[in-house]
Amino acid sequence: MKKILLAFDGEHFSHSIFDFVKHMNTQQPVLAVGCFLPSVDYTELLYSFGGVPSGPFYMAEAVKGNPEIVARNVDYFRNLCAQNDIACSIHQSDAKHIVTAIKLETRYADLLLIEGKTFYENLGKDTQQDYVTNVLHEAECPVIIVPENFNTPESLIFAYDGSEQSVFAIKQFHYLFPFYTDLHALLVYFASKEKQLPERQNIHELLDCYYKNTVITKMNIRNREEIAGWLQANRNIMFVCGSYGRNVLRELFHHSFASAITTQSQQLLFIAHK
């Protein structure tokens, strides 16, 4: 059994992340932990007003969620879990620093689920992207960003650059989803120069242990618009990559491109780092 953390922000209830955990539970039993977070990050709001130019500006005022709506969402989550035979637990946080609260919760979880399009969308596009980016950096377990409309993945795309982080993500993904072994797996070598695939034999052997049908290709990491369009054109995929910010994969996550594939994408995005 795996412990899956579902992050619900403020008064918003995400049906897509529940649909995903329901899908997981049909393959193997999970413990679904509903983590109901406050509406606003008080600390970062005050940090911005403190006059630090580089600090993120999140909202003009701090407003907590309506207790009645939150309570109704908690009951709704509990009832959905009961109807679908999913073991569940409820965590309600009143922490004033949301990213710190998520960091602690993920320390004791196998996987975190958030909905990319609506997760703190009330804060505005740029600030929402800052929130999602901070969560991805600080989470101590793998994260899946689920699109607004969840569809069961029909194929897998692994971002690879030969780094420890990219291989770690592949292994973590298989640990969490061993039941995807029959899906088509595409390994994409993202490179900024004309380089050969790093450790071709080793990565091929690893993938062949996990998946029955594996293909390897290469894309120029500088062509971000082309990559974004390519991802959008591939329907019902799971895009798997290591943590950006530590290796060449960070080239994929310059702000405009990150927004396109984390908060606007219609694909599932799996990110893992050590």
C-alpha atoms as a PDB file:
ATOM      1  CA  MET A   1       0.000   0.000   0.000  1.00  0.00           C
ATOM      2  CA  LYS A   2       1.240   3.485  -0.871  1.00  0.00           C
ATOM      3  CA  LYS A   3       0.437   6.751   0.912  1.00  0.00           C
ATOM      4  CA  ILE A   4      -0.872   9.338  -1.567  1.00  0.00           C
ATOM      5  CA  LEU A   5      -1.227  12.989  -0.538  1.00  0.00           C
ATOM      6  CA  LEU A   6      -3.961  15.012  -2.266  1.00  0.00           C
ATOM      7  CA  ALA A   7      -3.495  18.779  -1.841  1.00  0.00           C
ATOM      8  CA  PHE A   8      -6.690  20.849  -1.795  1.00  0.00           C
ATOM      9  CA  ASP A   9      -6.230  24.609  -1.559  1.00  0.00           C
ATOM     10  CA  GLY A  10      -8.666  26.831   0.334  1.00  0.00           C
ATOM     11  CA  GLU A  11     -12.269  26.217  -0.660  1.00  0.00           C
ATOM     12  CA  HIS A  12     -11.421  24.414  -3.902  1.00  0.00           C
ATOM     13  CA  PHE A  13     -12.028  20.679  -4.320  1.00  0.00           C
ATOM     14  CA  SER A  14     -10.202  19.046  -7.230  1.00  0.00           C
ATOM     15  CA  HIS A  15     -12.102  16.176  -8.797  1.00  0.00           C
ATOM     16  CA  SER A  16      -9.236  15.422 -11.170  1.00  0.00           C
ATOM     17  CA  ILE A  17      -6.745  14.506  -8.439  1.00  0.00           C
ATOM     18  CA  PHE A  18      -9.389  12.361  -6.772  1.00  0.00           C
ATOM     19  CA  ASP A  19     -10.045  10.629 -10.103  1.00  0.00           C
ATOM     20  CA  PHE A  20      -6.329   9.911 -10.350  1.00  0.00           C
ATOM     21  CA  VAL A  21      -6.092   8.374  -6.880  1.00  0.00           C
ATOM     22  CA  LYS A  22      -9.221   6.352  -7.652  1.00  0.00           C
ATOM     23  CA  HIS A  23      -7.448   5.060 -10.758  1.00  0.00           C
ATOM     24  CA  MET A  24      -4.398   4.119  -8.669  1.00  0.00           C
ATOM     25  CA  ASN A  25      -6.557   2.315  -6.126  1.00  0.00           C
ATOM     26  CA  THR A  26      -8.061   0.092  -8.823  1.00  0.00           C
ATOM     27  CA  GLN A  27      -4.542  -1.131  -9.600  1.00  0.00           C
ATOM     28  CA  GLN A  28      -3.261  -1.489  -6.032  1.00  0.00           C
ATOM     29  CA  PRO A  29      -4.670  -0.345  -2.660  1.00  0.00           C
ATOM     30  CA  VAL A  30      -3.611   3.120  -1.494  1.00  0.00           C
ATOM     31  CA  LEU A  31      -4.083   5.338   1.526  1.00  0.00           C
ATOM     32  CA  ALA A  32      -5.507   8.636   0.242  1.00  0.00           C
ATOM     33  CA  VAL A  33      -4.649  11.536   2.552  1.00  0.00           C
ATOM     34  CA  GLY A  34      -6.718  14.652   1.916  1.00  0.00           C
ATOM     35  CA  CYS A  35      -4.542  17.632   2.851  1.00  0.00           C
ATOM     36  CA  PHE A  36      -6.785  20.695   3.152  1.00  0.00           C
ATOM     37  CA  LEU A  37      -4.630  23.820   3.024  1.00  0.00           C
ATOM     38  CA  PRO A  38      -5.392  27.461   3.913  1.00  0.00           C
ATOM     39  CA  SER A  39      -6.376  29.886   1.164  1.00  0.00           C
ATOM     40  CA  VAL A  40      -3.404  32.240   1.449  1.00  0.00           C
ATOM     41  CA  ASP A  41       0.261  32.097   2.361  1.00  0.00           C
ATOM     42  CA  TYR A  42       0.527  34.684   5.157  1.00  0.00           C
ATOM     43  CA  THR A  43       4.316  34.524   5.469  1.00  0.00           C
ATOM     44  CA  GLU A  44       5.044  35.304   1.843  1.00  0.00           C
ATOM     45  CA  LEU A  45       2.492  38.113   1.865  1.00  0.00           C
ATOM     46  CA  LEU A  46       4.255  39.765   4.803  1.00  0.00           C
ATOM     47  CA  TYR A  47       7.622  39.025   3.215  1.00  0.00           C
ATOM     48  CA  SER A  48       6.589  41.026   0.170  1.00  0.00           C
ATOM     49  CA  PHE A  49       5.343  43.946   2.236  1.00  0.00           C
ATOM     50  CA  GLY A  50       8.656  43.833   4.108  1.00  0.00           C
ATOM     51  CA  GLY A  51      10.219  45.573   1.145  1.00  0.00           C
ATOM     52  CA  VAL A  52      12.366  42.769  -0.243  1.00  0.00           C
ATOM     53  CA  PRO A  53      12.316  43.312  -4.036  1.00  0.00           C
ATOM     54  CA  SER A  54      12.993  39.673  -4.879  1.00  0.00           C
ATOM     55  CA  GLY A  55      10.217  38.366  -2.645  1.00  0.00           C
ATOM     56  CA  PRO A  56       7.090  36.986  -4.362  1.00  0.00           C
ATOM     57  CA  PHE A  57       3.904  39.042  -4.094  1.00  0.00           C
ATOM     58  CA  TYR A  58       0.949  36.765  -3.578  1.00  0.00           C
ATOM     59  CA  MET A  59      -2.132  38.740  -2.486  1.00  0.00           C
ATOM     60  CA  ALA A  60      -3.235  42.149  -1.289  1.00  0.00           C
ATOM     61  CA  GLU A  61      -4.840  40.632   1.768  1.00  0.00           C
ATOM     62  CA  ALA A  62      -4.877  37.381   3.682  1.00  0.00           C
ATOM     63  CA  VAL A  63      -8.242  35.606   3.664  1.00  0.00           C
ATOM     64  CA  LYS A  64      -8.839  32.178   5.186  1.00  0.00           C
ATOM     65  CA  GLY A  65     -11.250  29.774   3.549  1.00  0.00           C
ATOM     66  CA  ASN A  66     -14.875  29.606   4.587  1.00  0.00           C
ATOM     67  CA  PRO A  67     -14.947  26.993   7.408  1.00  0.00           C
ATOM     68  CA  GLU A  68     -18.328  25.660   6.273  1.00  0.00           C
ATOM     69  CA  ILE A  69     -17.173  25.128   2.693  1.00  0.00           C
ATOM     70  CA  VAL A  70     -13.943  23.486   3.844  1.00  0.00           C
ATOM     71  CA  ALA A  71     -15.886  21.205   6.221  1.00  0.00           C
ATOM     72  CA  ARG A  72     -18.253  20.285   3.393  1.00  0.00           C
ATOM     73  CA  ASN A  73     -15.289  19.448   1.148  1.00  0.00           C
ATOM     74  CA  VAL A  74     -13.757  17.285   3.875  1.00  0.00           C
ATOM     75  CA  ASP A  75     -17.018  15.329   4.250  1.00  0.00           C
ATOM     76  CA  TYR A  76     -17.324  15.060   0.481  1.00  0.00           C
ATOM     77  CA  PHE A  77     -13.800  13.648   0.215  1.00  0.00           C
ATOM     78  CA  ARG A  78     -14.430  11.145   2.999  1.00  0.00           C
ATOM     79  CA  ASN A  79     -17.691   9.999   1.368  1.00  0.00           C
ATOM     80  CA  LEU A  80     -16.074   9.621  -2.062  1.00  0.00           C
ATOM     81  CA  CYS A  81     -13.361   7.460  -0.548  1.00  0.00           C
ATOM     82  CA  ALA A  82     -15.950   5.277   1.192  1.00  0.00           C
ATOM     83  CA  GLN A  83     -17.960   4.893  -2.030  1.00  0.00           C
ATOM     84  CA  ASN A  84     -14.841   3.795  -3.916  1.00  0.00           C
ATOM     85  CA  ASP A  85     -13.376   1.534  -1.200  1.00  0.00           C
ATOM     86  CA  ILE A  86     -10.350   3.777  -0.707  1.00  0.00           C
ATOM     87  CA  ALA A  87      -8.682   3.963   2.706  1.00  0.00           C
ATOM     88  CA  CYS A  88      -8.412   7.618   3.680  1.00  0.00           C
ATOM     89  CA  SER A  89      -7.180  10.108   6.253  1.00  0.00           C
ATOM     90  CA  ILE A  90      -7.823  13.844   6.703  1.00  0.00           C
ATOM     91  CA  HIS A  91      -5.122  16.416   7.415  1.00  0.00           C
ATOM     92  CA  GLN A  92      -6.192  20.015   7.938  1.00  0.00           C
ATOM     93  CA  SER A  93      -3.422  22.580   8.144  1.00  0.00           C
ATOM     94  CA  ASP A  94      -3.608  26.091   9.560  1.00  0.00           C
ATOM     95  CA  ALA A  95       0.080  26.712   8.853  1.00  0.00           C
ATOM     96  CA  LYS A  96       0.956  30.238   7.794  1.00  0.00           C
ATOM     97  CA  HIS A  97       3.567  29.036   5.303  1.00  0.00           C
ATOM     98  CA  ILE A  98       1.911  26.691   2.829  1.00  0.00           C
ATOM     99  CA  VAL A  99       5.029  25.436   1.057  1.00  0.00           C
ATOM    100  CA  THR A 100       6.594  24.554   4.420  1.00  0.00           C
ATOM    101  CA  ALA A 101       3.441  22.655   5.388  1.00  0.00           C
ATOM    102  CA  ILE A 102       3.554  20.701   2.122  1.00  0.00           C
ATOM    103  CA  LYS A 103       7.255  19.986   2.620  1.00  0.00           C
ATOM    104  CA  LEU A 104       6.520  18.372   5.998  1.00  0.00           C
ATOM    105  CA  GLU A 105       3.533  16.395   4.719  1.00  0.00           C
ATOM    106  CA  THR A 106       5.494  15.039   1.746  1.00  0.00           C
ATOM    107  CA  ARG A 107       8.252  13.796   4.032  1.00  0.00           C
ATOM    108  CA  TYR A 108       5.819  11.094   5.150  1.00  0.00           C
ATOM    109  CA  ALA A 109       4.153  10.339   1.808  1.00  0.00           C
ATOM    110  CA  ASP A 110       4.978   8.319  -1.302  1.00  0.00           C
ATOM    111  CA  LEU A 111       3.387  10.735  -3.762  1.00  0.00           C
ATOM    112  CA  LEU A 112       1.832  14.230  -3.859  1.00  0.00           C
ATOM    113  CA  LEU A 113      -1.001  15.107  -6.243  1.00  0.00           C
ATOM    114  CA  ILE A 114      -1.945  18.668  -7.188  1.00  0.00           C
ATOM    115  CA  GLU A 115      -4.125  20.026  -9.971  1.00  0.00           C
ATOM    116  CA  GLY A 116      -1.977  22.276 -12.125  1.00  0.00           C
ATOM    117  CA  LYS A 117      -4.626  24.600 -13.564  1.00  0.00           C
ATOM    118  CA  THR A 118      -6.561  25.409 -10.384  1.00  0.00           C
ATOM    119  CA  PHE A 119      -3.981  25.070  -7.589  1.00  0.00           C
ATOM    120  CA  TYR A 120      -4.095  28.570  -6.014  1.00  0.00           C
ATOM    121  CA  GLU A 121      -5.281  30.017  -9.331  1.00  0.00           C
ATOM    122  CA  ASN A 122      -6.990  32.858  -7.420  1.00  0.00           C
ATOM    123  CA  LEU A 123      -3.524  34.345  -6.844  1.00  0.00           C
ATOM    124  CA  GLY A 124      -3.027  35.147 -10.525  1.00  0.00           C
ATOM    125  CA  LYS A 125      -1.092  33.363 -13.273  1.00  0.00           C
ATOM    126  CA  ASP A 126       2.452  34.441 -12.368  1.00  0.00           C
ATOM    127  CA  THR A 127       2.044  33.944  -8.626  1.00  0.00           C
ATOM    128  CA  GLN A 128       0.346  30.601  -9.152  1.00  0.00           C
ATOM    129  CA  GLN A 129       3.350  29.484 -11.179  1.00  0.00           C
ATOM    130  CA  ASP A 130       5.650  30.596  -8.338  1.00  0.00           C
ATOM    131  CA  TYR A 131       3.609  28.485  -5.926  1.00  0.00           C
ATOM    132  CA  VAL A 132       3.735  25.398  -8.131  1.00  0.00           C
ATOM    133  CA  THR A 133       7.470  25.868  -8.704  1.00  0.00           C
ATOM    134  CA  ASN A 134       8.132  26.186  -4.966  1.00  0.00           C
ATOM    135  CA  VAL A 135       6.097  23.067  -4.246  1.00  0.00           C
ATOM    136  CA  LEU A 136       8.048  21.083  -6.859  1.00  0.00           C
ATOM    137  CA  HIS A 137      11.362  22.225  -5.389  1.00  0.00           C
ATOM    138  CA  GLU A 138      10.471  21.667  -1.746  1.00  0.00           C
ATOM    139  CA  ALA A 139       8.442  18.451  -1.898  1.00  0.00           C
ATOM    140  CA  GLU A 140      10.218  15.493  -0.306  1.00  0.00           C
ATOM    141  CA  CYS A 141       8.398  12.903  -2.387  1.00  0.00           C
ATOM    142  CA  PRO A 142       7.545  12.688  -6.092  1.00  0.00           C
ATOM    143  CA  VAL A 143       4.834  15.036  -7.368  1.00  0.00           C
ATOM    144  CA  ILE A 144       2.246  14.547 -10.085  1.00  0.00           C
ATOM    145  CA  ILE A 145       0.597  17.615 -11.587  1.00  0.00           C
ATOM    146  CA  VAL A 146      -2.788  16.463 -12.817  1.00  0.00           C
ATOM    147  CA  PRO A 147      -4.667  18.334 -15.583  1.00  0.00           C
ATOM    148  CA  GLU A 148      -8.158  19.669 -15.005  1.00  0.00           C
ATOM    149  CA  ASN A 149      -9.620  16.736 -16.933  1.00  0.00           C
ATOM    150  CA  PHE A 150      -7.885  13.499 -16.015  1.00  0.00           C
ATOM    151  CA  ASN A 151      -7.592  10.706 -18.564  1.00  0.00           C
ATOM    152  CA  THR A 152      -5.878   7.403 -17.877  1.00  0.00           C
ATOM    153  CA  PRO A 153      -2.381   7.504 -19.449  1.00  0.00           C
ATOM    154  CA  GLU A 154      -1.931   5.427 -22.576  1.00  0.00           C
ATOM    155  CA  SER A 155       1.802   6.043 -23.032  1.00  0.00           C
ATOM    156  CA  LEU A 156       4.825   7.279 -21.074  1.00  0.00           C
ATOM    157  CA  ILE A 157       7.471   9.865 -21.968  1.00  0.00           C
ATOM    158  CA  PHE A 158      10.694   9.937 -19.958  1.00  0.00           C
ATOM    159  CA  ALA A 159      12.916  13.038 -20.108  1.00  0.00           C
ATOM    160  CA  TYR A 160      16.539  11.932 -20.008  1.00  0.00           C
ATOM    161  CA  ASP A 161      19.893  13.736 -20.041  1.00  0.00           C
ATOM    162  CA  GLY A 162      22.160  11.131 -18.438  1.00  0.00           C
ATOM    163  CA  SER A 163      21.999  12.829 -15.040  1.00  0.00           C
ATOM    164  CA  GLU A 164      21.441  11.129 -11.695  1.00  0.00           C
ATOM    165  CA  GLN A 165      18.168  13.026 -11.281  1.00  0.00           C
ATOM    166  CA  SER A 166      16.673  11.924 -14.588  1.00  0.00           C
ATOM    167  CA  VAL A 167      17.445   8.243 -13.903  1.00  0.00           C
ATOM    168  CA  PHE A 168      16.201   8.562 -10.316  1.00  0.00           C
ATOM    169  CA  ALA A 169      12.845   9.831 -11.639  1.00  0.00           C
ATOM    170  CA  ILE A 170      12.527   6.820 -13.944  1.00  0.00           C
ATOM    171  CA  LYS A 171      13.156   4.417 -11.063  1.00  0.00           C
ATOM    172  CA  GLN A 172      10.790   6.240  -8.702  1.00  0.00           C
ATOM    173  CA  PHE A 173       8.065   6.225 -11.318  1.00  0.00           C
ATOM    174  CA  HIS A 174       8.334   2.473 -11.797  1.00  0.00           C
ATOM    175  CA  TYR A 175       8.306   1.936  -8.016  1.00  0.00           C
ATOM    176  CA  LEU A 176       5.020   3.848  -7.763  1.00  0.00           C
ATOM    177  CA  PHE A 177       3.433   2.547 -10.971  1.00  0.00           C
ATOM    178  CA  PRO A 178       4.602  -1.027 -11.613  1.00  0.00           C
ATOM    179  CA  PHE A 179       1.255  -1.720 -13.318  1.00  0.00           C
ATOM    180  CA  TYR A 180       2.178   0.489 -16.318  1.00  0.00           C
ATOM    181  CA  THR A 181       4.617  -2.087 -17.667  1.00  0.00           C
ATOM    182  CA  ASP A 182       2.505  -2.720 -20.795  1.00  0.00           C
ATOM    183  CA  LEU A 183       2.339   0.928 -21.829  1.00  0.00           C
ATOM    184  CA  HIS A 184       4.418   2.291 -24.695  1.00  0.00           C
ATOM    185  CA  ALA A 185       7.497   4.012 -23.222  1.00  0.00           C
ATOM    186  CA  LEU A 186       9.358   6.764 -25.089  1.00  0.00           C
ATOM    187  CA  LEU A 187      12.725   7.920 -23.738  1.00  0.00           C
ATOM    188  CA  VAL A 188      13.540  11.445 -24.987  1.00  0.00           C
ATOM    189  CA  TYR A 189      17.145  12.583 -24.777  1.00  0.00           C
ATOM    190  CA  PHE A 190      17.020  16.355 -24.340  1.00  0.00           C
ATOM    191  CA  ALA A 191      20.310  17.982 -25.304  1.00  0.00           C
ATOM    192  CA  SER A 192      21.469  21.494 -26.209  1.00  0.00           C
ATOM    193  CA  LYS A 193      24.334  20.275 -28.430  1.00  0.00           C
ATOM    194  CA  GLU A 194      25.044  17.449 -30.841  1.00  0.00           C
ATOM    195  CA  LYS A 195      25.837  14.808 -28.255  1.00  0.00           C
ATOM    196  CA  GLN A 196      25.456  11.068 -28.174  1.00  0.00           C
ATOM    197  CA  LEU A 197      22.962   9.465 -25.836  1.00  0.00           C
ATOM    198  CA  PRO A 198      24.713   9.042 -22.450  1.00  0.00           C
ATOM    199  CA  GLU A 199      25.077   5.448 -21.265  1.00  0.00           C
ATOM    200  CA  ARG A 200      22.881   4.086 -24.038  1.00  0.00           C
ATOM    201  CA  GLN A 201      23.307   0.442 -23.090  1.00  0.00           C
ATOM    202  CA  ASN A 202      22.716   1.025 -19.386  1.00  0.00           C
ATOM    203  CA  ILE A 203      19.561   3.105 -19.809  1.00  0.00           C
ATOM    204  CA  HIS A 204      18.231   0.699 -22.427  1.00  0.00           C
ATOM    205  CA  GLU A 205      18.760  -2.261 -20.104  1.00  0.00           C
ATOM    206  CA  LEU A 206      17.024  -0.459 -17.230  1.00  0.00           C
ATOM    207  CA  LEU A 207      13.975   0.460 -19.297  1.00  0.00           C
ATOM    208  CA  ASP A 208      13.749  -3.019 -20.795  1.00  0.00           C
ATOM    209  CA  CYS A 209      13.444  -4.364 -17.238  1.00  0.00           C
ATOM    210  CA  TYR A 210      10.442  -2.105 -16.646  1.00  0.00           C
ATOM    211  CA  TYR A 211       8.577  -1.864 -19.971  1.00  0.00           C
ATOM    212  CA  LYS A 212       7.833  -4.200 -22.849  1.00  0.00           C
ATOM    213  CA  ASN A 213       7.892  -1.568 -25.590  1.00  0.00           C
ATOM    214  CA  THR A 214      10.581   1.153 -25.388  1.00  0.00           C
ATOM    215  CA  VAL A 215      11.702   3.683 -28.021  1.00  0.00           C
ATOM    216  CA  ILE A 216      14.540   6.227 -27.718  1.00  0.00           C
ATOM    217  CA  THR A 217      14.652   9.579 -29.521  1.00  0.00           C
ATOM    218  CA  LYS A 218      16.385  12.965 -29.238  1.00  0.00           C
ATOM    219  CA  MET A 219      15.138  16.573 -29.145  1.00  0.00           C
ATOM    220  CA  ASN A 220      16.930  19.924 -29.034  1.00  0.00           C
ATOM    221  CA  ILE A 221      16.231  21.320 -25.598  1.00  0.00           C
ATOM    222  CA  ARG A 222      16.473  24.895 -26.911  1.00  0.00           C
ATOM    223  CA  ASN A 223      13.314  24.506 -29.002  1.00  0.00           C
ATOM    224  CA  ARG A 224      10.934  24.956 -26.066  1.00  0.00           C
ATOM    225  CA  GLU A 225       7.928  25.994 -28.148  1.00  0.00           C
ATOM    226  CA  GLU A 226       8.350  22.937 -30.342  1.00  0.00           C
ATOM    227  CA  ILE A 227       8.622  20.687 -27.280  1.00  0.00           C
ATOM    228  CA  ALA A 228       5.539  22.248 -25.676  1.00  0.00           C
ATOM    229  CA  GLY A 229       3.580  21.759 -28.897  1.00  0.00           C
ATOM    230  CA  TRP A 230       4.854  18.207 -29.195  1.00  0.00           C
ATOM    231  CA  LEU A 231       3.692  17.413 -25.662  1.00  0.00           C
ATOM    232  CA  GLN A 232       0.269  18.902 -26.308  1.00  0.00           C
ATOM    233  CA  ALA A 233      -0.059  16.877 -29.516  1.00  0.00           C
ATOM    234  CA  ASN A 234       0.583  13.612 -27.667  1.00  0.00           C
ATOM    235  CA  ARG A 235      -2.683  12.823 -25.949  1.00  0.00           C
ATOM    236  CA  ASN A 236      -3.117  10.870 -22.719  1.00  0.00           C
ATOM    237  CA  ILE A 237       0.550  10.686 -21.797  1.00  0.00           C
ATOM    238  CA  MET A 238       2.487  10.792 -18.542  1.00  0.00           C
ATOM    239  CA  PHE A 239       5.577  13.010 -18.831  1.00  0.00           C
ATOM    240  CA  VAL A 240       8.292  11.926 -16.366  1.00  0.00           C
ATOM    241  CA  CYS A 241      11.352  13.998 -15.470  1.00  0.00           C
ATOM    242  CA  GLY A 242      13.866  14.633 -12.725  1.00  0.00           C
ATOM    243  CA  SER A 243      14.006  17.783 -10.656  1.00  0.00           C
ATOM    244  CA  TYR A 244      14.694  20.897 -12.681  1.00  0.00           C
ATOM    245  CA  GLY A 245      17.198  23.412 -11.349  1.00  0.00           C
ATOM    246  CA  ARG A 246      19.940  20.847 -10.755  1.00  0.00           C
ATOM    247  CA  ASN A 247      20.904  19.769 -14.278  1.00  0.00           C
ATOM    248  CA  VAL A 248      20.322  20.391 -17.986  1.00  0.00           C
ATOM    249  CA  LEU A 249      16.631  19.579 -17.578  1.00  0.00           C
ATOM    250  CA  ARG A 250      16.232  22.981 -15.955  1.00  0.00           C
ATOM    251  CA  GLU A 251      16.457  24.377 -19.495  1.00  0.00           C
ATOM    252  CA  LEU A 252      12.989  22.942 -19.983  1.00  0.00           C
ATOM    253  CA  PHE A 253      11.623  25.019 -17.143  1.00  0.00           C
ATOM    254  CA  HIS A 254      12.293  28.637 -17.993  1.00  0.00           C
ATOM    255  CA  HIS A 255       9.289  30.553 -16.712  1.00  0.00           C
ATOM    256  CA  SER A 256       7.120  30.722 -19.844  1.00  0.00           C
ATOM    257  CA  PHE A 257       7.695  27.067 -20.734  1.00  0.00           C
ATOM    258  CA  ALA A 258       7.191  25.924 -17.139  1.00  0.00           C
ATOM    259  CA  SER A 259       3.827  27.646 -17.096  1.00  0.00           C
ATOM    260  CA  ALA A 260       2.836  25.900 -20.309  1.00  0.00           C
ATOM    261  CA  ILE A 261       3.518  22.380 -19.045  1.00  0.00           C
ATOM    262  CA  THR A 262       2.736  22.701 -15.325  1.00  0.00           C
ATOM    263  CA  THR A 263      -0.344  24.910 -15.067  1.00  0.00           C
ATOM    264  CA  GLN A 264      -1.730  24.834 -18.621  1.00  0.00           C
ATOM    265  CA  SER A 265      -0.870  21.358 -19.892  1.00  0.00           C
ATOM    266  CA  GLN A 266      -3.507  18.717 -20.499  1.00  0.00           C
ATOM    267  CA  GLN A 267      -0.944  15.994 -19.746  1.00  0.00           C
ATOM    268  CA  LEU A 268       0.095  14.337 -16.522  1.00  0.00           C
ATOM    269  CA  LEU A 269       3.478  15.553 -15.267  1.00  0.00           C
ATOM    270  CA  PHE A 270       5.559  13.447 -12.845  1.00  0.00           C
ATOM    271  CA  ILE A 271       8.578  15.070 -11.183  1.00  0.00           C
ATOM    272  CA  ALA A 272      10.920  13.413  -8.678  1.00  0.00           C
ATOM    273  CA  HIS A 273      14.187  14.472  -7.076  1.00  0.00           C
ATOM    274  CA  LYS A 274      16.417  13.379  -4.237  1.00  0.00           C
END
